[in-house]
Amino acid sequence: MKNDENLIEGKTYAFAIRMVNAYQYLEKTHRGFALSSQLLRSGTSIGAMVHEAKFAQSRADFINKLSIALKEANETKYWIRLFHDTHYFDDAMFDSVYNDVKEIIAMLVSIVRTSKDNNV
């Protein structure tokens, strides 16, 4: 599990950078687009929660923080789909970030499940 934790931390940090860049793109091309801040908030909070989980006070706290990261990843997946379906993201941008967030979700689900199973 330790390798998964290191991998997820790196992936979510890189994803957060991509979300900052996506936000900047949306702000530049669609000034004042109100929903862009939603993508920025949820997309960057995934990695923040993963980082916080490293210093969890207990296994339950660890699972809780990663579960919150999972919720944020699912919300981000929603915003990415919405921006694509409303033509704010082209197909190439969508495919790239959508695949990344699906991979992060799968990793978080696996880590949370494994952590819960080991908690019994």
PDB file of N, CA and C in Angstrom:
ATOM      1  N   MET A   1       0.820  -1.198   0.000  1.00  0.00           N
ATOM      2  CA  MET A   1       0.000   0.000   0.000  1.00  0.00           C
ATOM      3  C   MET A   1       0.860   1.257   0.000  1.00  0.00           C
ATOM      4  N   LYS A   2       2.020   1.200   0.571  1.00  0.00           N
ATOM      5  CA  LYS A   2       2.888   2.368   0.638  1.00  0.00           C
ATOM      6  C   LYS A   2       3.229   2.911  -0.755  1.00  0.00           C
ATOM      7  N   ASN A   3       3.526   2.008  -1.711  1.00  0.00           N
ATOM      8  CA  ASN A   3       3.823   2.449  -3.075  1.00  0.00           C
ATOM      9  C   ASN A   3       2.614   3.112  -3.721  1.00  0.00           C
ATOM     10  N   ASP A   4       1.410   2.577  -3.465  1.00  0.00           N
ATOM     11  CA  ASP A   4       0.193   3.187  -3.981  1.00  0.00           C
ATOM     12  C   ASP A   4       0.020   4.596  -3.438  1.00  0.00           C
ATOM     13  N   GLU A   5       0.329   4.759  -2.149  1.00  0.00           N
ATOM     14  CA  GLU A   5       0.191   6.075  -1.529  1.00  0.00           C
ATOM     15  C   GLU A   5       1.153   7.077  -2.164  1.00  0.00           C
ATOM     16  N   ASN A   6       2.385   6.680  -2.416  1.00  0.00           N
ATOM     17  CA  ASN A   6       3.341   7.580  -3.063  1.00  0.00           C
ATOM     18  C   ASN A   6       2.910   7.894  -4.487  1.00  0.00           C
ATOM     19  N   LEU A   7       2.415   6.892  -5.194  1.00  0.00           N
ATOM     20  CA  LEU A   7       1.966   7.074  -6.570  1.00  0.00           C
ATOM     21  C   LEU A   7       0.759   7.999  -6.625  1.00  0.00           C
ATOM     22  N   ILE A   8      -0.194   7.808  -5.746  1.00  0.00           N
ATOM     23  CA  ILE A   8      -1.397   8.643  -5.749  1.00  0.00           C
ATOM     24  C   ILE A   8      -1.057  10.085  -5.396  1.00  0.00           C
ATOM     25  N   GLU A   9      -0.087  10.263  -4.510  1.00  0.00           N
ATOM     26  CA  GLU A   9       0.305  11.636  -4.155  1.00  0.00           C
ATOM     27  C   GLU A   9       0.889  12.357  -5.370  1.00  0.00           C
ATOM     28  N   GLY A  10       1.754  11.701  -6.093  1.00  0.00           N
ATOM     29  CA  GLY A  10       2.347  12.300  -7.291  1.00  0.00           C
ATOM     30  C   GLY A  10       1.320  12.562  -8.380  1.00  0.00           C
ATOM     31  N   LYS A  11       0.438  11.599  -8.594  1.00  0.00           N
ATOM     32  CA  LYS A  11      -0.591  11.749  -9.633  1.00  0.00           C
ATOM     33  C   LYS A  11      -1.573  12.871  -9.305  1.00  0.00           C
ATOM     34  N   THR A  12      -1.965  12.968  -8.040  1.00  0.00           N
ATOM     35  CA  THR A  12      -2.926  14.009  -7.688  1.00  0.00           C
ATOM     36  C   THR A  12      -2.289  15.395  -7.699  1.00  0.00           C
ATOM     37  N   TYR A  13      -0.997  15.469  -7.384  1.00  0.00           N
ATOM     38  CA  TYR A  13      -0.309  16.762  -7.458  1.00  0.00           C
ATOM     39  C   TYR A  13      -0.191  17.208  -8.913  1.00  0.00           C
ATOM     40  N   ALA A  14       0.204  16.291  -9.792  1.00  0.00           N
ATOM     41  CA  ALA A  14       0.302  16.614 -11.219  1.00  0.00           C
ATOM     42  C   ALA A  14      -1.074  16.988 -11.779  1.00  0.00           C
ATOM     43  N   PHE A  15      -2.102  16.293 -11.306  1.00  0.00           N
ATOM     44  CA  PHE A  15      -3.459  16.597 -11.754  1.00  0.00           C
ATOM     45  C   PHE A  15      -3.874  17.985 -11.278  1.00  0.00           C
ATOM     46  N   ALA A  16      -3.522  18.352 -10.065  1.00  0.00           N
ATOM     47  CA  ALA A  16      -3.846  19.684  -9.552  1.00  0.00           C
ATOM     48  C   ALA A  16      -3.209  20.768 -10.419  1.00  0.00           C
ATOM     49  N   ILE A  17      -1.987  20.540 -10.844  1.00  0.00           N
ATOM     50  CA  ILE A  17      -1.325  21.494 -11.741  1.00  0.00           C
ATOM     51  C   ILE A  17      -2.120  21.615 -13.039  1.00  0.00           C
ATOM     52  N   ARG A  18      -2.571  20.488 -13.556  1.00  0.00           N
ATOM     53  CA  ARG A  18      -3.375  20.513 -14.783  1.00  0.00           C
ATOM     54  C   ARG A  18      -4.682  21.267 -14.573  1.00  0.00           C
ATOM     55  N   MET A  19      -5.268  21.143 -13.394  1.00  0.00           N
ATOM     56  CA  MET A  19      -6.523  21.845 -13.112  1.00  0.00           C
ATOM     57  C   MET A  19      -6.297  23.357 -12.992  1.00  0.00           C
ATOM     58  N   VAL A  20      -5.161  23.747 -12.426  1.00  0.00           N
ATOM     59  CA  VAL A  20      -4.820  25.173 -12.378  1.00  0.00           C
ATOM     60  C   VAL A  20      -4.662  25.696 -13.807  1.00  0.00           C
ATOM     61  N   ASN A  21      -3.991  24.932 -14.640  1.00  0.00           N
ATOM     62  CA  ASN A  21      -3.808  25.339 -16.037  1.00  0.00           C
ATOM     63  C   ASN A  21      -5.138  25.379 -16.790  1.00  0.00           C
ATOM     64  N   ALA A  22      -6.019  24.424 -16.522  1.00  0.00           N
ATOM     65  CA  ALA A  22      -7.340  24.412 -17.158  1.00  0.00           C
ATOM     66  C   ALA A  22      -8.147  25.634 -16.719  1.00  0.00           C
ATOM     67  N   TYR A  23      -8.049  25.960 -15.435  1.00  0.00           N
ATOM     68  CA  TYR A  23      -8.729  27.145 -14.910  1.00  0.00           C
ATOM     69  C   TYR A  23      -8.218  28.407 -15.613  1.00  0.00           C
ATOM     70  N   GLN A  24      -6.904  28.512 -15.729  1.00  0.00           N
ATOM     71  CA  GLN A  24      -6.326  29.681 -16.396  1.00  0.00           C
ATOM     72  C   GLN A  24      -6.779  29.753 -17.851  1.00  0.00           C
ATOM     73  N   TYR A  25      -6.844  28.603 -18.521  1.00  0.00           N
ATOM     74  CA  TYR A  25      -7.323  28.545 -19.901  1.00  0.00           C
ATOM     75  C   TYR A  25      -8.767  29.040 -19.977  1.00  0.00           C
ATOM     76  N   LEU A  26      -9.629  28.534 -19.091  1.00  0.00           N
ATOM     77  CA  LEU A  26     -11.031  28.941 -19.109  1.00  0.00           C
ATOM     78  C   LEU A  26     -11.189  30.430 -18.820  1.00  0.00           C
ATOM     79  N   GLU A  27     -10.415  30.927 -17.876  1.00  0.00           N
ATOM     80  CA  GLU A  27     -10.491  32.349 -17.545  1.00  0.00           C
ATOM     81  C   GLU A  27      -9.999  33.221 -18.709  1.00  0.00           C
ATOM     82  N   LYS A  28      -8.990  32.754 -19.396  1.00  0.00           N
ATOM     83  CA  LYS A  28      -8.428  33.516 -20.517  1.00  0.00           C
ATOM     84  C   LYS A  28      -9.364  33.508 -21.723  1.00  0.00           C
ATOM     85  N   THR A  29      -9.930  32.352 -22.011  1.00  0.00           N
ATOM     86  CA  THR A  29     -10.760  32.236 -23.217  1.00  0.00           C
ATOM     87  C   THR A  29     -12.227  32.563 -22.975  1.00  0.00           C
ATOM     88  N   HIS A  30     -12.682  32.466 -21.735  1.00  0.00           N
ATOM     89  CA  HIS A  30     -14.090  32.714 -21.404  1.00  0.00           C
ATOM     90  C   HIS A  30     -14.151  33.556 -20.137  1.00  0.00           C
ATOM     91  N   ARG A  31     -13.685  34.761 -20.222  1.00  0.00           N
ATOM     92  CA  ARG A  31     -13.568  35.647 -19.060  1.00  0.00           C
ATOM     93  C   ARG A  31     -14.796  35.595 -18.154  1.00  0.00           C
ATOM     94  N   GLY A  32     -14.508  35.415 -16.876  1.00  0.00           N
ATOM     95  CA  GLY A  32     -15.568  35.447 -15.885  1.00  0.00           C
ATOM     96  C   GLY A  32     -16.478  34.234 -15.893  1.00  0.00           C
ATOM     97  N   PHE A  33     -16.047  33.162 -16.548  1.00  0.00           N
ATOM     98  CA  PHE A  33     -16.855  31.942 -16.581  1.00  0.00           C
ATOM     99  C   PHE A  33     -16.979  31.421 -15.153  1.00  0.00           C
ATOM    100  N   ALA A  34     -18.139  31.564 -14.577  1.00  0.00           N
ATOM    101  CA  ALA A  34     -18.339  31.304 -13.148  1.00  0.00           C
ATOM    102  C   ALA A  34     -18.012  29.871 -12.735  1.00  0.00           C
ATOM    103  N   LEU A  35     -18.285  28.913 -13.598  1.00  0.00           N
ATOM    104  CA  LEU A  35     -18.086  27.518 -13.216  1.00  0.00           C
ATOM    105  C   LEU A  35     -16.626  27.090 -13.214  1.00  0.00           C
ATOM    106  N   SER A  36     -15.742  27.876 -13.795  1.00  0.00           N
ATOM    107  CA  SER A  36     -14.327  27.487 -13.822  1.00  0.00           C
ATOM    108  C   SER A  36     -13.743  27.375 -12.420  1.00  0.00           C
ATOM    109  N   SER A  37     -14.241  28.180 -11.492  1.00  0.00           N
ATOM    110  CA  SER A  37     -13.732  28.113 -10.118  1.00  0.00           C
ATOM    111  C   SER A  37     -14.141  26.797  -9.440  1.00  0.00           C
ATOM    112  N   GLN A  38     -15.261  26.211  -9.868  1.00  0.00           N
ATOM    113  CA  GLN A  38     -15.684  24.922  -9.325  1.00  0.00           C
ATOM    114  C   GLN A  38     -14.682  23.832  -9.690  1.00  0.00           C
ATOM    115  N   LEU A  39     -14.252  23.846 -10.949  1.00  0.00           N
ATOM    116  CA  LEU A  39     -13.257  22.884 -11.419  1.00  0.00           C
ATOM    117  C   LEU A  39     -11.944  23.074 -10.669  1.00  0.00           C
ATOM    118  N   LEU A  40     -11.520  24.301 -10.501  1.00  0.00           N
ATOM    119  CA  LEU A  40     -10.279  24.592  -9.784  1.00  0.00           C
ATOM    120  C   LEU A  40     -10.352  24.094  -8.349  1.00  0.00           C
ATOM    121  N   ARG A  41     -11.456  24.373  -7.672  1.00  0.00           N
ATOM    122  CA  ARG A  41     -11.604  23.989  -6.270  1.00  0.00           C
ATOM    123  C   ARG A  41     -11.594  22.467  -6.105  1.00  0.00           C
ATOM    124  N   SER A  42     -12.450  21.789  -6.851  1.00  0.00           N
ATOM    125  CA  SER A  42     -12.539  20.334  -6.666  1.00  0.00           C
ATOM    126  C   SER A  42     -11.302  19.629  -7.205  1.00  0.00           C
ATOM    127  N   GLY A  43     -10.767  20.113  -8.322  1.00  0.00           N
ATOM    128  CA  GLY A  43      -9.609  19.459  -8.934  1.00  0.00           C
ATOM    129  C   GLY A  43      -8.325  19.578  -8.136  1.00  0.00           C
ATOM    130  N   THR A  44      -8.183  20.662  -7.391  1.00  0.00           N
ATOM    131  CA  THR A  44      -6.983  20.830  -6.575  1.00  0.00           C
ATOM    132  C   THR A  44      -7.143  20.245  -5.173  1.00  0.00           C
ATOM    133  N   SER A  45      -8.382  20.114  -4.727  1.00  0.00           N
ATOM    134  CA  SER A  45      -8.576  19.591  -3.369  1.00  0.00           C
ATOM    135  C   SER A  45      -8.327  18.087  -3.287  1.00  0.00           C
ATOM    136  N   ILE A  46      -8.359  17.388  -4.415  1.00  0.00           N
ATOM    137  CA  ILE A  46      -8.077  15.947  -4.405  1.00  0.00           C
ATOM    138  C   ILE A  46      -6.684  15.717  -3.824  1.00  0.00           C
ATOM    139  N   GLY A  47      -5.702  16.366  -4.400  1.00  0.00           N
ATOM    140  CA  GLY A  47      -4.325  16.206  -3.946  1.00  0.00           C
ATOM    141  C   GLY A  47      -4.103  16.739  -2.545  1.00  0.00           C
ATOM    142  N   ALA A  48      -4.810  17.813  -2.201  1.00  0.00           N
ATOM    143  CA  ALA A  48      -4.674  18.370  -0.850  1.00  0.00           C
ATOM    144  C   ALA A  48      -5.136  17.361   0.197  1.00  0.00           C
ATOM    145  N   MET A  49      -6.235  16.674  -0.085  1.00  0.00           N
ATOM    146  CA  MET A  49      -6.731  15.677   0.867  1.00  0.00           C
ATOM    147  C   MET A  49      -5.813  14.452   0.919  1.00  0.00           C
ATOM    148  N   VAL A  50      -5.263  14.062  -0.219  1.00  0.00           N
ATOM    149  CA  VAL A  50      -4.313  12.951  -0.238  1.00  0.00           C
ATOM    150  C   VAL A  50      -3.088  13.317   0.595  1.00  0.00           C
ATOM    151  N   HIS A  51      -2.622  14.544   0.441  1.00  0.00           N
ATOM    152  CA  HIS A  51      -1.465  15.003   1.205  1.00  0.00           C
ATOM    153  C   HIS A  51      -1.785  15.024   2.706  1.00  0.00           C
ATOM    154  N   GLU A  52      -2.972  15.498   3.054  1.00  0.00           N
ATOM    155  CA  GLU A  52      -3.377  15.514   4.467  1.00  0.00           C
ATOM    156  C   GLU A  52      -3.441  14.104   5.042  1.00  0.00           C
ATOM    157  N   ALA A  53      -3.859  13.151   4.238  1.00  0.00           N
ATOM    158  CA  ALA A  53      -4.005  11.768   4.705  1.00  0.00           C
ATOM    159  C   ALA A  53      -2.670  11.186   5.164  1.00  0.00           C
ATOM    160  N   LYS A  54      -1.566  11.677   4.603  1.00  0.00           N
ATOM    161  CA  LYS A  54      -0.247  11.197   5.024  1.00  0.00           C
ATOM    162  C   LYS A  54      -0.007  11.427   6.515  1.00  0.00           C
ATOM    163  N   PHE A  55      -0.655  12.433   7.057  1.00  0.00           N
ATOM    164  CA  PHE A  55      -0.456  12.789   8.452  1.00  0.00           C
ATOM    165  C   PHE A  55      -1.718  12.559   9.281  1.00  0.00           C
ATOM    166  N   ALA A  56      -2.508  11.595   8.858  1.00  0.00           N
ATOM    167  CA  ALA A  56      -3.745  11.269   9.572  1.00  0.00           C
ATOM    168  C   ALA A  56      -3.422  10.806  10.987  1.00  0.00           C
ATOM    169  N   GLN A  57      -4.340  11.078  11.884  1.00  0.00           N
ATOM    170  CA  GLN A  57      -4.139  10.732  13.295  1.00  0.00           C
ATOM    171  C   GLN A  57      -4.498   9.289  13.602  1.00  0.00           C
ATOM    172  N   SER A  58      -5.217   8.652  12.680  1.00  0.00           N
ATOM    173  CA  SER A  58      -5.617   7.261  12.882  1.00  0.00           C
ATOM    174  C   SER A  58      -5.961   6.661  11.521  1.00  0.00           C
ATOM    175  N   ARG A  59      -6.160   5.355  11.502  1.00  0.00           N
ATOM    176  CA  ARG A  59      -6.573   4.706  10.248  1.00  0.00           C
ATOM    177  C   ARG A  59      -7.926   5.251   9.803  1.00  0.00           C
ATOM    178  N   ALA A  60      -8.833   5.471  10.744  1.00  0.00           N
ATOM    179  CA  ALA A  60     -10.154   6.015  10.413  1.00  0.00           C
ATOM    180  C   ALA A  60     -10.022   7.410   9.805  1.00  0.00           C
ATOM    181  N   ASP A  61      -9.132   8.216  10.344  1.00  0.00           N
ATOM    182  CA  ASP A  61      -8.892   9.561   9.812  1.00  0.00           C
ATOM    183  C   ASP A  61      -8.292   9.467   8.406  1.00  0.00           C
ATOM    184  N   PHE A  62      -7.372   8.531   8.207  1.00  0.00           N
ATOM    185  CA  PHE A  62      -6.763   8.287   6.901  1.00  0.00           C
ATOM    186  C   PHE A  62      -7.842   7.929   5.868  1.00  0.00           C
ATOM    187  N   ILE A  63      -8.693   6.988   6.227  1.00  0.00           N
ATOM    188  CA  ILE A  63      -9.756   6.557   5.325  1.00  0.00           C
ATOM    189  C   ILE A  63     -10.710   7.713   5.033  1.00  0.00           C
ATOM    190  N   ASN A  64     -11.034   8.484   6.063  1.00  0.00           N
ATOM    191  CA  ASN A  64     -11.931   9.625   5.890  1.00  0.00           C
ATOM    192  C   ASN A  64     -11.348  10.646   4.917  1.00  0.00           C
ATOM    193  N   LYS A  65     -10.092  10.983   5.065  1.00  0.00           N
ATOM    194  CA  LYS A  65      -9.465  11.974   4.189  1.00  0.00           C
ATOM    195  C   LYS A  65      -9.411  11.479   2.743  1.00  0.00           C
ATOM    196  N   LEU A  66      -9.084  10.205   2.561  1.00  0.00           N
ATOM    197  CA  LEU A  66      -9.053   9.663   1.200  1.00  0.00           C
ATOM    198  C   LEU A  66     -10.455   9.523   0.623  1.00  0.00           C
ATOM    199  N   SER A  67     -11.439   9.294   1.472  1.00  0.00           N
ATOM    200  CA  SER A  67     -12.830   9.248   1.006  1.00  0.00           C
ATOM    201  C   SER A  67     -13.291  10.628   0.541  1.00  0.00           C
ATOM    202  N   ILE A  68     -12.853  11.656   1.231  1.00  0.00           N
ATOM    203  CA  ILE A  68     -13.157  13.024   0.799  1.00  0.00           C
ATOM    204  C   ILE A  68     -12.460  13.305  -0.531  1.00  0.00           C
ATOM    205  N   ALA A  69     -11.215  12.878  -0.669  1.00  0.00           N
ATOM    206  CA  ALA A  69     -10.499  13.038  -1.937  1.00  0.00           C
ATOM    207  C   ALA A  69     -11.260  12.341  -3.062  1.00  0.00           C
ATOM    208  N   LEU A  70     -11.804  11.178  -2.788  1.00  0.00           N
ATOM    209  CA  LEU A  70     -12.581  10.430  -3.772  1.00  0.00           C
ATOM    210  C   LEU A  70     -13.840  11.199  -4.170  1.00  0.00           C
ATOM    211  N   LYS A  71     -14.519  11.780  -3.206  1.00  0.00           N
ATOM    212  CA  LYS A  71     -15.703  12.597  -3.513  1.00  0.00           C
ATOM    213  C   LYS A  71     -15.328  13.785  -4.391  1.00  0.00           C
ATOM    214  N   GLU A  72     -14.224  14.427  -4.068  1.00  0.00           N
ATOM    215  CA  GLU A  72     -13.773  15.574  -4.866  1.00  0.00           C
ATOM    216  C   GLU A  72     -13.402  15.140  -6.283  1.00  0.00           C
ATOM    217  N   ALA A  73     -12.793  13.961  -6.413  1.00  0.00           N
ATOM    218  CA  ALA A  73     -12.432  13.446  -7.736  1.00  0.00           C
ATOM    219  C   ALA A  73     -13.685  13.172  -8.562  1.00  0.00           C
ATOM    220  N   ASN A  74     -14.700  12.613  -7.929  1.00  0.00           N
ATOM    221  CA  ASN A  74     -15.959  12.376  -8.641  1.00  0.00           C
ATOM    222  C   ASN A  74     -16.624  13.680  -9.056  1.00  0.00           C
ATOM    223  N   GLU A  75     -16.553  14.685  -8.200  1.00  0.00           N
ATOM    224  CA  GLU A  75     -17.100  15.998  -8.568  1.00  0.00           C
ATOM    225  C   GLU A  75     -16.316  16.585  -9.743  1.00  0.00           C
ATOM    226  N   THR A  76     -15.015  16.459  -9.700  1.00  0.00           N
ATOM    227  CA  THR A  76     -14.172  16.972 -10.784  1.00  0.00           C
ATOM    228  C   THR A  76     -14.505  16.269 -12.097  1.00  0.00           C
ATOM    229  N   LYS A  77     -14.721  14.967 -12.025  1.00  0.00           N
ATOM    230  CA  LYS A  77     -15.108  14.197 -13.212  1.00  0.00           C
ATOM    231  C   LYS A  77     -16.395  14.772 -13.808  1.00  0.00           C
ATOM    232  N   TYR A  78     -17.334  15.132 -12.968  1.00  0.00           N
ATOM    233  CA  TYR A  78     -18.583  15.750 -13.412  1.00  0.00           C
ATOM    234  C   TYR A  78     -18.318  17.063 -14.164  1.00  0.00           C
ATOM    235  N   TRP A  79     -17.497  17.939 -13.557  1.00  0.00           N
ATOM    236  CA  TRP A  79     -17.229  19.233 -14.180  1.00  0.00           C
ATOM    237  C   TRP A  79     -16.510  19.058 -15.522  1.00  0.00           C
ATOM    238  N   ILE A  80     -15.585  18.123 -15.584  1.00  0.00           N
ATOM    239  CA  ILE A  80     -14.865  17.879 -16.839  1.00  0.00           C
ATOM    240  C   ILE A  80     -15.845  17.445 -17.926  1.00  0.00           C
ATOM    241  N   ARG A  81     -16.737  16.539 -17.590  1.00  0.00           N
ATOM    242  CA  ARG A  81     -17.746  16.094 -18.571  1.00  0.00           C
ATOM    243  C   ARG A  81     -18.634  17.259 -18.994  1.00  0.00           C
ATOM    244  N   LEU A  82     -19.065  18.061 -18.025  1.00  0.00           N
ATOM    245  CA  LEU A  82     -19.934  19.196 -18.335  1.00  0.00           C
ATOM    246  C   LEU A  82     -19.239  20.182 -19.270  1.00  0.00           C
ATOM    247  N   PHE A  83     -17.978  20.498 -18.980  1.00  0.00           N
ATOM    248  CA  PHE A  83     -17.245  21.447 -19.827  1.00  0.00           C
ATOM    249  C   PHE A  83     -17.031  20.897 -21.232  1.00  0.00           C
ATOM    250  N   HIS A  84     -16.859  19.608 -21.356  1.00  0.00           N
ATOM    251  CA  HIS A  84     -16.724  19.003 -22.682  1.00  0.00           C
ATOM    252  C   HIS A  84     -18.059  19.041 -23.425  1.00  0.00           C
ATOM    253  N   ASP A  85     -19.120  18.632 -22.744  1.00  0.00           N
ATOM    254  CA  ASP A  85     -20.425  18.555 -23.393  1.00  0.00           C
ATOM    255  C   ASP A  85     -21.010  19.919 -23.731  1.00  0.00           C
ATOM    256  N   THR A  86     -20.490  20.974 -23.106  1.00  0.00           N
ATOM    257  CA  THR A  86     -20.929  22.336 -23.431  1.00  0.00           C
ATOM    258  C   THR A  86     -19.884  23.072 -24.269  1.00  0.00           C
ATOM    259  N   HIS A  87     -18.920  22.319 -24.771  1.00  0.00           N
ATOM    260  CA  HIS A  87     -17.920  22.806 -25.746  1.00  0.00           C
ATOM    261  C   HIS A  87     -16.910  23.804 -25.187  1.00  0.00           C
ATOM    262  N   TYR A  88     -16.680  23.762 -23.881  1.00  0.00           N
ATOM    263  CA  TYR A  88     -15.604  24.552 -23.300  1.00  0.00           C
ATOM    264  C   TYR A  88     -14.274  23.808 -23.383  1.00  0.00           C
ATOM    265  N   PHE A  89     -14.329  22.474 -23.368  1.00  0.00           N
ATOM    266  CA  PHE A  89     -13.143  21.634 -23.555  1.00  0.00           C
ATOM    267  C   PHE A  89     -13.291  20.900 -24.878  1.00  0.00           C
ATOM    268  N   ASP A  90     -12.246  20.934 -25.698  1.00  0.00           N
ATOM    269  CA  ASP A  90     -12.280  20.159 -26.934  1.00  0.00           C
ATOM    270  C   ASP A  90     -12.029  18.682 -26.617  1.00  0.00           C
ATOM    271  N   ASP A  91     -12.158  17.841 -27.618  1.00  0.00           N
ATOM    272  CA  ASP A  91     -12.031  16.394 -27.408  1.00  0.00           C
ATOM    273  C   ASP A  91     -10.672  15.997 -26.849  1.00  0.00           C
ATOM    274  N   ALA A  92      -9.617  16.605 -27.350  1.00  0.00           N
ATOM    275  CA  ALA A  92      -8.264  16.242 -26.897  1.00  0.00           C
ATOM    276  C   ALA A  92      -8.063  16.599 -25.433  1.00  0.00           C
ATOM    277  N   MET A  93      -8.482  17.791 -25.046  1.00  0.00           N
ATOM    278  CA  MET A  93      -8.340  18.213 -23.653  1.00  0.00           C
ATOM    279  C   MET A  93      -9.191  17.309 -22.756  1.00  0.00           C
ATOM    280  N   PHE A  94     -10.422  17.064 -23.176  1.00  0.00           N
ATOM    281  CA  PHE A  94     -11.319  16.209 -22.409  1.00  0.00           C
ATOM    282  C   PHE A  94     -10.724  14.821 -22.206  1.00  0.00           C
ATOM    283  N   ASP A  95     -10.311  14.182 -23.296  1.00  0.00           N
ATOM    284  CA  ASP A  95      -9.782  12.821 -23.209  1.00  0.00           C
ATOM    285  C   ASP A  95      -8.619  12.735 -22.231  1.00  0.00           C
ATOM    286  N   SER A  96      -7.758  13.705 -22.285  1.00  0.00           N
ATOM    287  CA  SER A  96      -6.570  13.698 -21.445  1.00  0.00           C
ATOM    288  C   SER A  96      -6.914  13.815 -19.954  1.00  0.00           C
ATOM    289  N   VAL A  97      -7.668  14.836 -19.596  1.00  0.00           N
ATOM    290  CA  VAL A  97      -7.958  15.044 -18.175  1.00  0.00           C
ATOM    291  C   VAL A  97      -8.998  14.064 -17.656  1.00  0.00           C
ATOM    292  N   TYR A  98      -9.924  13.644 -18.510  1.00  0.00           N
ATOM    293  CA  TYR A  98     -10.939  12.688 -18.078  1.00  0.00           C
ATOM    294  C   TYR A  98     -10.300  11.338 -17.756  1.00  0.00           C
ATOM    295  N   ASN A  99      -9.388  10.908 -18.593  1.00  0.00           N
ATOM    296  CA  ASN A  99      -8.688   9.647 -18.322  1.00  0.00           C
ATOM    297  C   ASN A  99      -7.867   9.738 -17.046  1.00  0.00           C
ATOM    298  N   ASP A 100      -7.239  10.888 -16.818  1.00  0.00           N
ATOM    299  CA  ASP A 100      -6.467  11.083 -15.583  1.00  0.00           C
ATOM    300  C   ASP A 100      -7.355  10.982 -14.345  1.00  0.00           C
ATOM    301  N   VAL A 101      -8.492  11.650 -14.368  1.00  0.00           N
ATOM    302  CA  VAL A 101      -9.351  11.638 -13.182  1.00  0.00           C
ATOM    303  C   VAL A 101      -9.958  10.254 -12.970  1.00  0.00           C
ATOM    304  N   LYS A 102     -10.273   9.538 -14.041  1.00  0.00           N
ATOM    305  CA  LYS A 102     -10.779   8.166 -13.875  1.00  0.00           C
ATOM    306  C   LYS A 102      -9.715   7.265 -13.252  1.00  0.00           C
ATOM    307  N   GLU A 103      -8.466   7.458 -13.638  1.00  0.00           N
ATOM    308  CA  GLU A 103      -7.375   6.674 -13.052  1.00  0.00           C
ATOM    309  C   GLU A 103      -7.204   6.999 -11.567  1.00  0.00           C
ATOM    310  N   ILE A 104      -7.275   8.267 -11.234  1.00  0.00           N
ATOM    311  CA  ILE A 104      -7.160   8.692  -9.830  1.00  0.00           C
ATOM    312  C   ILE A 104      -8.311   8.109  -9.007  1.00  0.00           C
ATOM    313  N   ILE A 105      -9.512   8.141  -9.548  1.00  0.00           N
ATOM    314  CA  ILE A 105     -10.671   7.577  -8.849  1.00  0.00           C
ATOM    315  C   ILE A 105     -10.452   6.093  -8.580  1.00  0.00           C
ATOM    316  N   ALA A 106     -10.008   5.364  -9.593  1.00  0.00           N
ATOM    317  CA  ALA A 106      -9.772   3.921  -9.424  1.00  0.00           C
ATOM    318  C   ALA A 106      -8.719   3.664  -8.350  1.00  0.00           C
ATOM    319  N   MET A 107      -7.666   4.459  -8.339  1.00  0.00           N
ATOM    320  CA  MET A 107      -6.621   4.287  -7.333  1.00  0.00           C
ATOM    321  C   MET A 107      -7.154   4.574  -5.933  1.00  0.00           C
ATOM    322  N   LEU A 108      -7.921   5.657  -5.797  1.00  0.00           N
ATOM    323  CA  LEU A 108      -8.471   6.010  -4.485  1.00  0.00           C
ATOM    324  C   LEU A 108      -9.447   4.949  -3.992  1.00  0.00           C
ATOM    325  N   VAL A 109     -10.279   4.436  -4.870  1.00  0.00           N
ATOM    326  CA  VAL A 109     -11.205   3.370  -4.484  1.00  0.00           C
ATOM    327  C   VAL A 109     -10.421   2.175  -3.959  1.00  0.00           C
ATOM    328  N   SER A 110      -9.372   1.803  -4.662  1.00  0.00           N
ATOM    329  CA  SER A 110      -8.554   0.657  -4.259  1.00  0.00           C
ATOM    330  C   SER A 110      -7.889   0.882  -2.902  1.00  0.00           C
ATOM    331  N   ILE A 111      -7.311   2.057  -2.706  1.00  0.00           N
ATOM    332  CA  ILE A 111      -6.628   2.347  -1.444  1.00  0.00           C
ATOM    333  C   ILE A 111      -7.630   2.379  -0.285  1.00  0.00           C
ATOM    334  N   VAL A 112      -8.776   3.000  -0.492  1.00  0.00           N
ATOM    335  CA  VAL A 112      -9.790   3.075   0.564  1.00  0.00           C
ATOM    336  C   VAL A 112     -10.299   1.669   0.905  1.00  0.00           C
ATOM    337  N   ARG A 113     -10.590   0.879  -0.106  1.00  0.00           N
ATOM    338  CA  ARG A 113     -11.067  -0.501   0.138  1.00  0.00           C
ATOM    339  C   ARG A 113     -10.026  -1.315   0.892  1.00  0.00           C
ATOM    340  N   THR A 114      -8.784  -1.247   0.442  1.00  0.00           N
ATOM    341  CA  THR A 114      -7.722  -1.995   1.093  1.00  0.00           C
ATOM    342  C   THR A 114      -7.552  -1.544   2.541  1.00  0.00           C
ATOM    343  N   SER A 115      -7.628  -0.250   2.761  1.00  0.00           N
ATOM    344  CA  SER A 115      -7.482   0.286   4.117  1.00  0.00           C
ATOM    345  C   SER A 115      -8.626  -0.155   5.012  1.00  0.00           C
ATOM    346  N   LYS A 116      -9.827  -0.195   4.467  1.00  0.00           N
ATOM    347  CA  LYS A 116     -10.982  -0.659   5.247  1.00  0.00           C
ATOM    348  C   LYS A 116     -10.857  -2.150   5.547  1.00  0.00           C
ATOM    349  N   ASP A 117     -10.442  -2.935   4.544  1.00  0.00           N
ATOM    350  CA  ASP A 117     -10.285  -4.378   4.734  1.00  0.00           C
ATOM    351  C   ASP A 117      -9.233  -4.702   5.784  1.00  0.00           C
ATOM    352  N   ASN A 118      -8.172  -3.918   5.807  1.00  0.00           N
ATOM    353  CA  ASN A 118      -7.092  -4.144   6.775  1.00  0.00           C
ATOM    354  C   ASN A 118      -7.447  -3.635   8.159  1.00  0.00           C
ATOM    355  N   ASN A 119      -8.537  -2.914   8.261  1.00  0.00           N
ATOM    356  CA  ASN A 119      -8.953  -2.325   9.520  1.00  0.00           C
ATOM    357  C   ASN A 119      -9.792  -3.289  10.359  1.00  0.00           C
ATOM    358  N   VAL A 120     -10.227  -4.377   9.765  1.00  0.00           N
ATOM    359  CA  VAL A 120     -11.130  -5.315  10.454  1.00  0.00           C
ATOM    360  C   VAL A 120     -10.425  -6.086  11.531  1.00  0.00           C
TER     361      VAL A 120
END
